[in-house]
Amino acid sequence: MKRDDELLRALLIEFESQEDWLILVTKALNVSSEERRKQYHINLLCDAGFMRQVSDSGYRLTNQGHDYLEAVRSESVWTRTKAAVAETGGSATLDIVKQLAVGFLKKSITEKTGIEL
C-alpha cells in the first residue's frame, strides 16, 4: 500500500480536534478497505513518532506529531509544500516533507513579523 501524505495530515487534524487525548481505533480483519487503509496510515504515524500506541486499540498524538501538524496545518503552507515535492519529481520522505513545511512556515512568519527565524 502506498503512503498517502494527504491522509496522514487529515488523520492528524481529525485526531487533534477530538475532545479526549485518547484516540480509539477499532482493529479487526473484516473492516472495509478504507478502514484498513486508515489503520495502515495510523501505523505509519506511529513509525514516524507522530503517534504512540498506549493500549491495544488506544493511541495518542506525541509532541512530535503536534509539531508536524503545526507545520502542515496551514492550507497555504501545505499547498506550497506539495508543490515543492511535485517540482522535484513527486516523491519525498516524510522527514523531507516536514522540513519543507517548516521552511515555508518559517518564511511566512518572517514575512509577517520581519523576524528572521
PDB file of N, CA and C in Angstrom:
ATOM      1  N   MET A   1       0.850  -1.179   0.000  1.00  0.00           N
ATOM      2  CA  MET A   1       0.000   0.000   0.000  1.00  0.00           C
ATOM      3  C   MET A   1       0.897   1.243   0.000  1.00  0.00           C
ATOM      4  N   LYS A   2       0.543   2.202  -0.789  1.00  0.00           N
ATOM      5  CA  LYS A   2       1.326   3.426  -0.912  1.00  0.00           C
ATOM      6  C   LYS A   2       0.949   4.413   0.198  1.00  0.00           C
ATOM      7  N   ARG A   3       1.958   5.098   0.706  1.00  0.00           N
ATOM      8  CA  ARG A   3       1.720   6.108   1.741  1.00  0.00           C
ATOM      9  C   ARG A   3       1.029   7.311   1.112  1.00  0.00           C
ATOM     10  N   ASP A   4       0.043   7.837   1.810  1.00  0.00           N
ATOM     11  CA  ASP A   4      -0.730   8.988   1.348  1.00  0.00           C
ATOM     12  C   ASP A   4      -0.529  10.126   2.341  1.00  0.00           C
ATOM     13  N   ASP A   5       0.317  11.101   1.963  1.00  0.00           N
ATOM     14  CA  ASP A   5       0.616  12.210   2.868  1.00  0.00           C
ATOM     15  C   ASP A   5      -0.616  13.055   3.177  1.00  0.00           C
ATOM     16  N   GLU A   6      -1.542  13.137   2.233  1.00  0.00           N
ATOM     17  CA  GLU A   6      -2.802  13.863   2.481  1.00  0.00           C
ATOM     18  C   GLU A   6      -3.589  13.181   3.605  1.00  0.00           C
ATOM     19  N   LEU A   7      -3.638  11.861   3.570  1.00  0.00           N
ATOM     20  CA  LEU A   7      -4.362  11.117   4.600  1.00  0.00           C
ATOM     21  C   LEU A   7      -3.663  11.251   5.943  1.00  0.00           C
ATOM     22  N   LEU A   8      -2.338  11.211   5.963  1.00  0.00           N
ATOM     23  CA  LEU A   8      -1.615  11.392   7.229  1.00  0.00           C
ATOM     24  C   LEU A   8      -1.981  12.729   7.851  1.00  0.00           C
ATOM     25  N   ARG A   9      -1.960  13.784   7.035  1.00  0.00           N
ATOM     26  CA  ARG A   9      -2.307  15.130   7.516  1.00  0.00           C
ATOM     27  C   ARG A   9      -3.755  15.166   8.012  1.00  0.00           C
ATOM     28  N   ALA A  10      -4.676  14.600   7.226  1.00  0.00           N
ATOM     29  CA  ALA A  10      -6.097  14.593   7.597  1.00  0.00           C
ATOM     30  C   ALA A  10      -6.332  13.841   8.907  1.00  0.00           C
ATOM     31  N   LEU A  11      -5.651  12.728   9.084  1.00  0.00           N
ATOM     32  CA  LEU A  11      -5.804  11.961  10.332  1.00  0.00           C
ATOM     33  C   LEU A  11      -5.318  12.768  11.530  1.00  0.00           C
ATOM     34  N   LEU A  12      -4.175  13.419  11.387  1.00  0.00           N
ATOM     35  CA  LEU A  12      -3.661  14.225  12.498  1.00  0.00           C
ATOM     36  C   LEU A  12      -4.619  15.363  12.835  1.00  0.00           C
ATOM     37  N   ILE A  13      -5.155  16.017  11.823  1.00  0.00           N
ATOM     38  CA  ILE A  13      -6.124  17.101  12.065  1.00  0.00           C
ATOM     39  C   ILE A  13      -7.362  16.548  12.754  1.00  0.00           C
ATOM     40  N   GLU A  14      -7.847  15.409  12.275  1.00  0.00           N
ATOM     41  CA  GLU A  14      -9.028  14.779  12.875  1.00  0.00           C
ATOM     42  C   GLU A  14      -8.772  14.415  14.332  1.00  0.00           C
ATOM     43  N   PHE A  15      -7.637  13.783  14.609  1.00  0.00           N
ATOM     44  CA  PHE A  15      -7.350  13.334  15.971  1.00  0.00           C
ATOM     45  C   PHE A  15      -7.155  14.508  16.918  1.00  0.00           C
ATOM     46  N   GLU A  16      -6.500  15.569  16.446  1.00  0.00           N
ATOM     47  CA  GLU A  16      -6.279  16.729  17.308  1.00  0.00           C
ATOM     48  C   GLU A  16      -7.595  17.411  17.664  1.00  0.00           C
ATOM     49  N   SER A  17      -8.577  17.347  16.771  1.00  0.00           N
ATOM     50  CA  SER A  17      -9.843  18.043  17.001  1.00  0.00           C
ATOM     51  C   SER A  17     -10.726  17.332  18.029  1.00  0.00           C
ATOM     52  N   GLN A  18     -10.388  16.109  18.378  1.00  0.00           N
ATOM     53  CA  GLN A  18     -11.195  15.368  19.351  1.00  0.00           C
ATOM     54  C   GLN A  18     -11.046  15.970  20.743  1.00  0.00           C
ATOM     55  N   GLU A  19     -12.086  15.813  21.542  1.00  0.00           N
ATOM     56  CA  GLU A  19     -12.092  16.344  22.905  1.00  0.00           C
ATOM     57  C   GLU A  19     -11.106  15.610  23.819  1.00  0.00           C
ATOM     58  N   ASP A  20     -10.986  14.309  23.623  1.00  0.00           N
ATOM     59  CA  ASP A  20     -10.165  13.481  24.501  1.00  0.00           C
ATOM     60  C   ASP A  20      -8.804  13.237  23.855  1.00  0.00           C
ATOM     61  N   TRP A  21      -7.792  13.045  24.666  1.00  0.00           N
ATOM     62  CA  TRP A  21      -6.452  12.772  24.151  1.00  0.00           C
ATOM     63  C   TRP A  21      -6.322  11.340  23.643  1.00  0.00           C
ATOM     64  N   LEU A  22      -7.193  10.452  24.128  1.00  0.00           N
ATOM     65  CA  LEU A  22      -7.125   9.046  23.758  1.00  0.00           C
ATOM     66  C   LEU A  22      -7.875   8.824  22.450  1.00  0.00           C
ATOM     67  N   ILE A  23      -7.176   8.305  21.469  1.00  0.00           N
ATOM     68  CA  ILE A  23      -7.749   8.041  20.154  1.00  0.00           C
ATOM     69  C   ILE A  23      -7.999   6.545  20.065  1.00  0.00           C
ATOM     70  N   LEU A  24      -9.254   6.157  19.964  1.00  0.00           N
ATOM     71  CA  LEU A  24      -9.604   4.744  19.909  1.00  0.00           C
ATOM     72  C   LEU A  24      -9.766   4.311  18.458  1.00  0.00           C
ATOM     73  N   VAL A  25      -9.091   3.235  18.116  1.00  0.00           N
ATOM     74  CA  VAL A  25      -9.124   2.710  16.759  1.00  0.00           C
ATOM     75  C   VAL A  25      -9.549   1.252  16.827  1.00  0.00           C
ATOM     76  N   THR A  26     -10.618   0.940  16.140  1.00  0.00           N
ATOM     77  CA  THR A  26     -11.096  -0.432  16.102  1.00  0.00           C
ATOM     78  C   THR A  26     -10.188  -1.255  15.198  1.00  0.00           C
ATOM     79  N   LYS A  27      -9.707  -2.347  15.740  1.00  0.00           N
ATOM     80  CA  LYS A  27      -8.857  -3.248  14.957  1.00  0.00           C
ATOM     81  C   LYS A  27      -9.625  -4.527  14.694  1.00  0.00           C
ATOM     82  N   ALA A  28      -9.821  -4.806  13.431  1.00  0.00           N
ATOM     83  CA  ALA A  28     -10.498  -6.036  13.038  1.00  0.00           C
ATOM     84  C   ALA A  28     -10.066  -6.381  11.622  1.00  0.00           C
ATOM     85  N   LEU A  29     -10.131  -7.631  11.292  1.00  0.00           N
ATOM     86  CA  LEU A  29      -9.742  -8.065   9.958  1.00  0.00           C
ATOM     87  C   LEU A  29     -10.860  -7.880   8.937  1.00  0.00           C
ATOM     88  N   ASN A  30     -12.098  -7.851   9.402  1.00  0.00           N
ATOM     89  CA  ASN A  30     -13.234  -7.786   8.482  1.00  0.00           C
ATOM     90  C   ASN A  30     -13.777  -6.362   8.329  1.00  0.00           C
ATOM     91  N   VAL A  31     -12.902  -5.365   8.295  1.00  0.00           N
ATOM     92  CA  VAL A  31     -13.338  -3.987   8.097  1.00  0.00           C
ATOM     93  C   VAL A  31     -13.194  -3.617   6.623  1.00  0.00           C
ATOM     94  N   SER A  32     -13.751  -2.498   6.272  1.00  0.00           N
ATOM     95  CA  SER A  32     -13.693  -2.049   4.880  1.00  0.00           C
ATOM     96  C   SER A  32     -12.256  -1.745   4.469  1.00  0.00           C
ATOM     97  N   SER A  33     -12.045  -1.706   3.173  1.00  0.00           N
ATOM     98  CA  SER A  33     -10.698  -1.397   2.671  1.00  0.00           C
ATOM     99  C   SER A  33     -10.282   0.010   3.089  1.00  0.00           C
ATOM    100  N   GLU A  34     -11.235   0.929   3.172  1.00  0.00           N
ATOM    101  CA  GLU A  34     -10.914   2.293   3.606  1.00  0.00           C
ATOM    102  C   GLU A  34     -10.467   2.317   5.075  1.00  0.00           C
ATOM    103  N   GLU A  35     -11.130   1.512   5.910  1.00  0.00           N
ATOM    104  CA  GLU A  35     -10.749   1.435   7.322  1.00  0.00           C
ATOM    105  C   GLU A  35      -9.375   0.774   7.469  1.00  0.00           C
ATOM    106  N   ARG A  36      -9.082  -0.225   6.670  1.00  0.00           N
ATOM    107  CA  ARG A  36      -7.750  -0.862   6.698  1.00  0.00           C
ATOM    108  C   ARG A  36      -6.686   0.124   6.240  1.00  0.00           C
ATOM    109  N   ARG A  37      -7.010   0.938   5.261  1.00  0.00           N
ATOM    110  CA  ARG A  37      -6.092   1.980   4.790  1.00  0.00           C
ATOM    111  C   ARG A  37      -5.804   2.983   5.916  1.00  0.00           C
ATOM    112  N   LYS A  38      -6.859   3.350   6.642  1.00  0.00           N
ATOM    113  CA  LYS A  38      -6.700   4.269   7.777  1.00  0.00           C
ATOM    114  C   LYS A  38      -5.821   3.626   8.850  1.00  0.00           C
ATOM    115  N   GLN A  39      -6.052   2.364   9.164  1.00  0.00           N
ATOM    116  CA  GLN A  39      -5.255   1.663  10.169  1.00  0.00           C
ATOM    117  C   GLN A  39      -3.782   1.622   9.758  1.00  0.00           C
ATOM    118  N   TYR A  40      -3.533   1.361   8.495  1.00  0.00           N
ATOM    119  CA  TYR A  40      -2.161   1.323   7.991  1.00  0.00           C
ATOM    120  C   TYR A  40      -1.490   2.677   8.178  1.00  0.00           C
ATOM    121  N   HIS A  41      -2.205   3.745   7.879  1.00  0.00           N
ATOM    122  CA  HIS A  41      -1.619   5.082   8.000  1.00  0.00           C
ATOM    123  C   HIS A  41      -1.428   5.485   9.467  1.00  0.00           C
ATOM    124  N   ILE A  42      -2.257   4.986  10.349  1.00  0.00           N
ATOM    125  CA  ILE A  42      -2.022   5.199  11.781  1.00  0.00           C
ATOM    126  C   ILE A  42      -0.725   4.500  12.189  1.00  0.00           C
ATOM    127  N   ASN A  43      -0.495   3.313  11.663  1.00  0.00           N
ATOM    128  CA  ASN A  43       0.763   2.615  11.935  1.00  0.00           C
ATOM    129  C   ASN A  43       1.951   3.420  11.409  1.00  0.00           C
ATOM    130  N   LEU A  44       1.798   4.019  10.229  1.00  0.00           N
ATOM    131  CA  LEU A  44       2.873   4.864   9.689  1.00  0.00           C
ATOM    132  C   LEU A  44       3.118   6.079  10.589  1.00  0.00           C
ATOM    133  N   LEU A  45       2.047   6.672  11.116  1.00  0.00           N
ATOM    134  CA  LEU A  45       2.205   7.807  12.027  1.00  0.00           C
ATOM    135  C   LEU A  45       2.951   7.380  13.294  1.00  0.00           C
ATOM    136  N   CYS A  46       2.688   6.159  13.752  1.00  0.00           N
ATOM    137  CA  CYS A  46       3.431   5.623  14.906  1.00  0.00           C
ATOM    138  C   CYS A  46       4.894   5.394  14.531  1.00  0.00           C
ATOM    139  N   ASP A  47       5.134   4.827  13.353  1.00  0.00           N
ATOM    140  CA  ASP A  47       6.509   4.597  12.893  1.00  0.00           C
ATOM    141  C   ASP A  47       7.295   5.907  12.859  1.00  0.00           C
ATOM    142  N   ALA A  48       6.630   6.987  12.456  1.00  0.00           N
ATOM    143  CA  ALA A  48       7.287   8.297  12.337  1.00  0.00           C
ATOM    144  C   ALA A  48       7.440   9.000  13.678  1.00  0.00           C
ATOM    145  N   GLY A  49       6.831   8.452  14.730  1.00  0.00           N
ATOM    146  CA  GLY A  49       6.905   9.080  16.045  1.00  0.00           C
ATOM    147  C   GLY A  49       5.853  10.155  16.258  1.00  0.00           C
ATOM    148  N   PHE A  50       4.862  10.250  15.350  1.00  0.00           N
ATOM    149  CA  PHE A  50       3.828  11.276  15.461  1.00  0.00           C
ATOM    150  C   PHE A  50       2.661  10.821  16.336  1.00  0.00           C
ATOM    151  N   MET A  51       2.527   9.516  16.497  1.00  0.00           N
ATOM    152  CA  MET A  51       1.526   8.934  17.388  1.00  0.00           C
ATOM    153  C   MET A  51       2.199   7.817  18.170  1.00  0.00           C
ATOM    154  N   ARG A  52       1.582   7.460  19.285  1.00  0.00           N
ATOM    155  CA  ARG A  52       2.086   6.355  20.097  1.00  0.00           C
ATOM    156  C   ARG A  52       0.902   5.499  20.522  1.00  0.00           C
ATOM    157  N   GLN A  53       1.081   4.198  20.407  1.00  0.00           N
ATOM    158  CA  GLN A  53       0.053   3.270  20.868  1.00  0.00           C
ATOM    159  C   GLN A  53       0.176   3.149  22.378  1.00  0.00           C
ATOM    160  N   VAL A  54      -0.954   3.340  23.088  1.00  0.00           N
ATOM    161  CA  VAL A  54      -0.938   3.303  24.550  1.00  0.00           C
ATOM    162  C   VAL A  54      -1.725   2.128  25.116  1.00  0.00           C
ATOM    163  N   SER A  55      -2.481   1.453  24.270  1.00  0.00           N
ATOM    164  CA  SER A  55      -3.191   0.237  24.658  1.00  0.00           C
ATOM    165  C   SER A  55      -3.485  -0.535  23.375  1.00  0.00           C
ATOM    166  N   ASP A  56      -4.190  -1.648  23.499  1.00  0.00           N
ATOM    167  CA  ASP A  56      -4.452  -2.470  22.326  1.00  0.00           C
ATOM    168  C   ASP A  56      -5.108  -1.678  21.195  1.00  0.00           C
ATOM    169  N   SER A  57      -6.062  -0.824  21.533  1.00  0.00           N
ATOM    170  CA  SER A  57      -6.757  -0.051  20.499  1.00  0.00           C
ATOM    171  C   SER A  57      -6.709   1.452  20.764  1.00  0.00           C
ATOM    172  N   GLY A  58      -5.845   1.863  21.692  1.00  0.00           N
ATOM    173  CA  GLY A  58      -5.755   3.281  22.039  1.00  0.00           C
ATOM    174  C   GLY A  58      -4.434   3.904  21.609  1.00  0.00           C
ATOM    175  N   TYR A  59      -4.520   5.118  21.090  1.00  0.00           N
ATOM    176  CA  TYR A  59      -3.359   5.856  20.612  1.00  0.00           C
ATOM    177  C   TYR A  59      -3.426   7.281  21.150  1.00  0.00           C
ATOM    178  N   ARG A  60      -2.294   7.963  21.075  1.00  0.00           N
ATOM    179  CA  ARG A  60      -2.273   9.387  21.396  1.00  0.00           C
ATOM    180  C   ARG A  60      -1.303  10.079  20.456  1.00  0.00           C
ATOM    181  N   LEU A  61      -1.532  11.363  20.235  1.00  0.00           N
ATOM    182  CA  LEU A  61      -0.575  12.161  19.474  1.00  0.00           C
ATOM    183  C   LEU A  61       0.635  12.430  20.351  1.00  0.00           C
ATOM    184  N   THR A  62       1.809  12.417  19.770  1.00  0.00           N
ATOM    185  CA  THR A  62       3.019  12.776  20.501  1.00  0.00           C
ATOM    186  C   THR A  62       3.307  14.260  20.286  1.00  0.00           C
ATOM    187  N   ASN A  63       4.247  14.787  21.048  1.00  0.00           N
ATOM    188  CA  ASN A  63       4.646  16.172  20.849  1.00  0.00           C
ATOM    189  C   ASN A  63       5.182  16.369  19.432  1.00  0.00           C
ATOM    190  N   GLN A  64       5.927  15.394  18.937  1.00  0.00           N
ATOM    191  CA  GLN A  64       6.441  15.449  17.569  1.00  0.00           C
ATOM    192  C   GLN A  64       5.288  15.468  16.560  1.00  0.00           C
ATOM    193  N   GLY A  65       4.220  14.753  16.849  1.00  0.00           N
ATOM    194  CA  GLY A  65       3.042  14.755  15.987  1.00  0.00           C
ATOM    195  C   GLY A  65       2.370  16.116  15.962  1.00  0.00           C
ATOM    196  N   HIS A  66       2.277  16.736  17.142  1.00  0.00           N
ATOM    197  CA  HIS A  66       1.704  18.085  17.206  1.00  0.00           C
ATOM    198  C   HIS A  66       2.583  19.071  16.437  1.00  0.00           C
ATOM    199  N   ASP A  67       3.902  18.929  16.555  1.00  0.00           N
ATOM    200  CA  ASP A  67       4.810  19.821  15.826  1.00  0.00           C
ATOM    201  C   ASP A  67       4.647  19.650  14.313  1.00  0.00           C
ATOM    202  N   TYR A  68       4.564  18.411  13.859  1.00  0.00           N
ATOM    203  CA  TYR A  68       4.365  18.167  12.429  1.00  0.00           C
ATOM    204  C   TYR A  68       3.045  18.794  11.968  1.00  0.00           C
ATOM    205  N   LEU A  69       2.009  18.603  12.776  1.00  0.00           N
ATOM    206  CA  LEU A  69       0.709  19.164  12.432  1.00  0.00           C
ATOM    207  C   LEU A  69       0.760  20.684  12.358  1.00  0.00           C
ATOM    208  N   GLU A  70       1.474  21.318  13.274  1.00  0.00           N
ATOM    209  CA  GLU A  70       1.615  22.772  13.219  1.00  0.00           C
ATOM    210  C   GLU A  70       2.300  23.199  11.929  1.00  0.00           C
ATOM    211  N   ALA A  71       3.254  22.398  11.472  1.00  0.00           N
ATOM    212  CA  ALA A  71       3.979  22.731  10.251  1.00  0.00           C
ATOM    213  C   ALA A  71       3.095  22.590   9.013  1.00  0.00           C
ATOM    214  N   VAL A  72       2.181  21.625   8.993  1.00  0.00           N
ATOM    215  CA  VAL A  72       1.389  21.365   7.791  1.00  0.00           C
ATOM    216  C   VAL A  72      -0.061  21.815   7.900  1.00  0.00           C
ATOM    217  N   ARG A  73      -0.434  22.424   9.014  1.00  0.00           N
ATOM    218  CA  ARG A  73      -1.835  22.816   9.239  1.00  0.00           C
ATOM    219  C   ARG A  73      -2.323  23.855   8.227  1.00  0.00           C
ATOM    220  N   SER A  74      -1.543  24.895   8.015  1.00  0.00           N
ATOM    221  CA  SER A  74      -1.934  25.978   7.116  1.00  0.00           C
ATOM    222  C   SER A  74      -2.115  25.447   5.700  1.00  0.00           C
ATOM    223  N   GLU A  75      -3.258  25.736   5.120  1.00  0.00           N
ATOM    224  CA  GLU A  75      -3.533  25.266   3.759  1.00  0.00           C
ATOM    225  C   GLU A  75      -2.524  25.844   2.768  1.00  0.00           C
ATOM    226  N   SER A  76      -2.123  27.098   2.968  1.00  0.00           N
ATOM    227  CA  SER A  76      -1.157  27.698   2.033  1.00  0.00           C
ATOM    228  C   SER A  76       0.219  27.053   2.179  1.00  0.00           C
ATOM    229  N   VAL A  77       0.650  26.778   3.393  1.00  0.00           N
ATOM    230  CA  VAL A  77       1.931  26.100   3.607  1.00  0.00           C
ATOM    231  C   VAL A  77       1.865  24.685   3.030  1.00  0.00           C
ATOM    232  N   TRP A  78       0.758  23.997   3.257  1.00  0.00           N
ATOM    233  CA  TRP A  78       0.607  22.631   2.756  1.00  0.00           C
ATOM    234  C   TRP A  78       0.628  22.613   1.226  1.00  0.00           C
ATOM    235  N   THR A  79      -0.057  23.567   0.610  1.00  0.00           N
ATOM    236  CA  THR A  79      -0.085  23.646  -0.852  1.00  0.00           C
ATOM    237  C   THR A  79       1.314  23.905  -1.406  1.00  0.00           C
ATOM    238  N   ARG A  80       2.045  24.807  -0.784  1.00  0.00           N
ATOM    239  CA  ARG A  80       3.410  25.109  -1.227  1.00  0.00           C
ATOM    240  C   ARG A  80       4.330  23.906  -1.026  1.00  0.00           C
ATOM    241  N   THR A  81       4.136  23.191   0.063  1.00  0.00           N
ATOM    242  CA  THR A  81       4.945  22.006   0.345  1.00  0.00           C
ATOM    243  C   THR A  81       4.707  20.937  -0.719  1.00  0.00           C
ATOM    244  N   LYS A  82       3.438  20.658  -1.014  1.00  0.00           N
ATOM    245  CA  LYS A  82       3.113  19.658  -2.028  1.00  0.00           C
ATOM    246  C   LYS A  82       3.652  20.070  -3.399  1.00  0.00           C
ATOM    247  N   ALA A  83       3.567  21.362  -3.707  1.00  0.00           N
ATOM    248  CA  ALA A  83       4.072  21.850  -4.994  1.00  0.00           C
ATOM    249  C   ALA A  83       5.578  21.666  -5.085  1.00  0.00           C
ATOM    250  N   ALA A  84       6.282  21.938  -4.002  1.00  0.00           N
ATOM    251  CA  ALA A  84       7.741  21.770  -3.996  1.00  0.00           C
ATOM    252  C   ALA A  84       8.122  20.311  -4.209  1.00  0.00           C
ATOM    253  N   VAL A  85       7.395  19.405  -3.577  1.00  0.00           N
ATOM    254  CA  VAL A  85       7.659  17.977  -3.764  1.00  0.00           C
ATOM    255  C   VAL A  85       7.367  17.588  -5.207  1.00  0.00           C
ATOM    256  N   ALA A  86       6.270  18.076  -5.744  1.00  0.00           N
ATOM    257  CA  ALA A  86       5.903  17.748  -7.127  1.00  0.00           C
ATOM    258  C   ALA A  86       6.953  18.248  -8.115  1.00  0.00           C
ATOM    259  N   GLU A  87       7.493  19.425  -7.867  1.00  0.00           N
ATOM    260  CA  GLU A  87       8.504  20.009  -8.759  1.00  0.00           C
ATOM    261  C   GLU A  87       9.794  19.197  -8.782  1.00  0.00           C
ATOM    262  N   THR A  88      10.045  18.449  -7.731  1.00  0.00           N
ATOM    263  CA  THR A  88      11.293  17.687  -7.648  1.00  0.00           C
ATOM    264  C   THR A  88      11.091  16.213  -7.962  1.00  0.00           C
ATOM    265  N   GLY A  89      10.010  15.894  -8.619  1.00  0.00           N
ATOM    266  CA  GLY A  89       9.797  14.515  -9.040  1.00  0.00           C
ATOM    267  C   GLY A  89       8.595  13.847  -8.418  1.00  0.00           C
ATOM    268  N   GLY A  90       7.953  14.488  -7.454  1.00  0.00           N
ATOM    269  CA  GLY A  90       6.712  13.973  -6.901  1.00  0.00           C
ATOM    270  C   GLY A  90       6.823  13.031  -5.728  1.00  0.00           C
ATOM    271  N   SER A  91       8.030  12.779  -5.244  1.00  0.00           N
ATOM    272  CA  SER A  91       8.135  11.920  -4.065  1.00  0.00           C
ATOM    273  C   SER A  91       9.184  12.475  -3.116  1.00  0.00           C
ATOM    274  N   ALA A  92       8.941  12.270  -1.839  1.00  0.00           N
ATOM    275  CA  ALA A  92       9.870  12.718  -0.805  1.00  0.00           C
ATOM    276  C   ALA A  92       9.593  11.925   0.463  1.00  0.00           C
ATOM    277  N   THR A  93      10.596  11.810   1.287  1.00  0.00           N
ATOM    278  CA  THR A  93      10.396  11.153   2.571  1.00  0.00           C
ATOM    279  C   THR A  93       9.524  12.041   3.455  1.00  0.00           C
ATOM    280  N   LEU A  94       8.936  11.448   4.466  1.00  0.00           N
ATOM    281  CA  LEU A  94       8.107  12.216   5.390  1.00  0.00           C
ATOM    282  C   LEU A  94       8.945  13.274   6.100  1.00  0.00           C
ATOM    283  N   ASP A  95      10.194  12.953   6.396  1.00  0.00           N
ATOM    284  CA  ASP A  95      11.070  13.921   7.039  1.00  0.00           C
ATOM    285  C   ASP A  95      11.323  15.126   6.130  1.00  0.00           C
ATOM    286  N   ILE A  96      11.503  14.885   4.846  1.00  0.00           N
ATOM    287  CA  ILE A  96      11.701  15.993   3.907  1.00  0.00           C
ATOM    288  C   ILE A  96      10.429  16.815   3.784  1.00  0.00           C
ATOM    289  N   VAL A  97       9.272  16.160   3.743  1.00  0.00           N
ATOM    290  CA  VAL A  97       8.000  16.886   3.700  1.00  0.00           C
ATOM    291  C   VAL A  97       7.904  17.805   4.913  1.00  0.00           C
ATOM    292  N   LYS A  98       8.261  17.279   6.086  1.00  0.00           N
ATOM    293  CA  LYS A  98       8.209  18.090   7.303  1.00  0.00           C
ATOM    294  C   LYS A  98       9.191  19.259   7.212  1.00  0.00           C
ATOM    295  N   GLN A  99      10.409  19.010   6.756  1.00  0.00           N
ATOM    296  CA  GLN A  99      11.395  20.084   6.655  1.00  0.00           C
ATOM    297  C   GLN A  99      10.941  21.177   5.687  1.00  0.00           C
ATOM    298  N   LEU A 100      10.358  20.775   4.559  1.00  0.00           N
ATOM    299  CA  LEU A 100       9.830  21.757   3.616  1.00  0.00           C
ATOM    300  C   LEU A 100       8.723  22.591   4.256  1.00  0.00           C
ATOM    301  N   ALA A 101       7.783  21.917   4.911  1.00  0.00           N
ATOM    302  CA  ALA A 101       6.675  22.626   5.550  1.00  0.00           C
ATOM    303  C   ALA A 101       7.179  23.581   6.618  1.00  0.00           C
ATOM    304  N   VAL A 102       8.128  23.140   7.425  1.00  0.00           N
ATOM    305  CA  VAL A 102       8.705  24.015   8.456  1.00  0.00           C
ATOM    306  C   VAL A 102       9.395  25.203   7.794  1.00  0.00           C
ATOM    307  N   GLY A 103      10.100  24.956   6.696  1.00  0.00           N
ATOM    308  CA  GLY A 103      10.758  26.044   5.971  1.00  0.00           C
ATOM    309  C   GLY A 103       9.761  27.072   5.458  1.00  0.00           C
ATOM    310  N   PHE A 104       8.663  26.606   4.865  1.00  0.00           N
ATOM    311  CA  PHE A 104       7.638  27.535   4.370  1.00  0.00           C
ATOM    312  C   PHE A 104       6.952  28.260   5.524  1.00  0.00           C
ATOM    313  N   LEU A 105       6.750  27.569   6.638  1.00  0.00           N
ATOM    314  CA  LEU A 105       6.150  28.201   7.812  1.00  0.00           C
ATOM    315  C   LEU A 105       7.072  29.286   8.359  1.00  0.00           C
ATOM    316  N   LYS A 106       8.359  28.994   8.455  1.00  0.00           N
ATOM    317  CA  LYS A 106       9.326  29.981   8.921  1.00  0.00           C
ATOM    318  C   LYS A 106       9.345  31.198   8.001  1.00  0.00           C
ATOM    319  N   LYS A 107       9.335  30.944   6.700  1.00  0.00           N
ATOM    320  CA  LYS A 107       9.342  32.033   5.727  1.00  0.00           C
ATOM    321  C   LYS A 107       8.100  32.908   5.898  1.00  0.00           C
ATOM    322  N   SER A 108       6.960  32.293   6.096  1.00  0.00           N
ATOM    323  CA  SER A 108       5.710  33.026   6.295  1.00  0.00           C
ATOM    324  C   SER A 108       5.766  33.889   7.557  1.00  0.00           C
ATOM    325  N   ILE A 109       6.302  33.309   8.629  1.00  0.00           N
ATOM    326  CA  ILE A 109       6.411  34.063   9.886  1.00  0.00           C
ATOM    327  C   ILE A 109       7.377  35.226   9.720  1.00  0.00           C
ATOM    328  N   THR A 110       8.501  34.986   9.037  1.00  0.00           N
ATOM    329  CA  THR A 110       9.478  36.057   8.799  1.00  0.00           C
ATOM    330  C   THR A 110       8.858  37.181   7.985  1.00  0.00           C
ATOM    331  N   GLU A 111       8.099  36.830   6.951  1.00  0.00           N
ATOM    332  CA  GLU A 111       7.457  37.848   6.113  1.00  0.00           C
ATOM    333  C   GLU A 111       6.458  38.677   6.909  1.00  0.00           C
ATOM    334  N   LYS A 112       5.771  38.067   7.856  1.00  0.00           N
ATOM    335  CA  LYS A 112       4.735  38.771   8.625  1.00  0.00           C
ATOM    336  C   LYS A 112       5.304  39.565   9.796  1.00  0.00           C
ATOM    337  N   THR A 113       6.433  39.089  10.356  1.00  0.00           N
ATOM    338  CA  THR A 113       6.974  39.746  11.550  1.00  0.00           C
ATOM    339  C   THR A 113       8.262  40.509  11.304  1.00  0.00           C
ATOM    340  N   GLY A 114       8.950  40.198  10.224  1.00  0.00           N
ATOM    341  CA  GLY A 114      10.255  40.793   9.975  1.00  0.00           C
ATOM    342  C   GLY A 114      11.357  40.167  10.810  1.00  0.00           C
ATOM    343  N   ILE A 115      11.014  39.144  11.580  1.00  0.00           N
ATOM    344  CA  ILE A 115      11.992  38.460  12.429  1.00  0.00           C
ATOM    345  C   ILE A 115      12.506  37.239  11.666  1.00  0.00           C
ATOM    346  N   GLU A 116      13.812  37.204  11.446  1.00  0.00           N
ATOM    347  CA  GLU A 116      14.418  36.089  10.742  1.00  0.00           C
ATOM    348  C   GLU A 116      14.503  34.878  11.656  1.00  0.00           C
ATOM    349  N   LEU A 117      13.945  33.761  11.216  1.00  0.00           N
ATOM    350  CA  LEU A 117      13.982  32.530  12.017  1.00  0.00           C
ATOM    351  C   LEU A 117      14.987  31.563  11.462  1.00  0.00           C
TER     352      LEU A 117
END
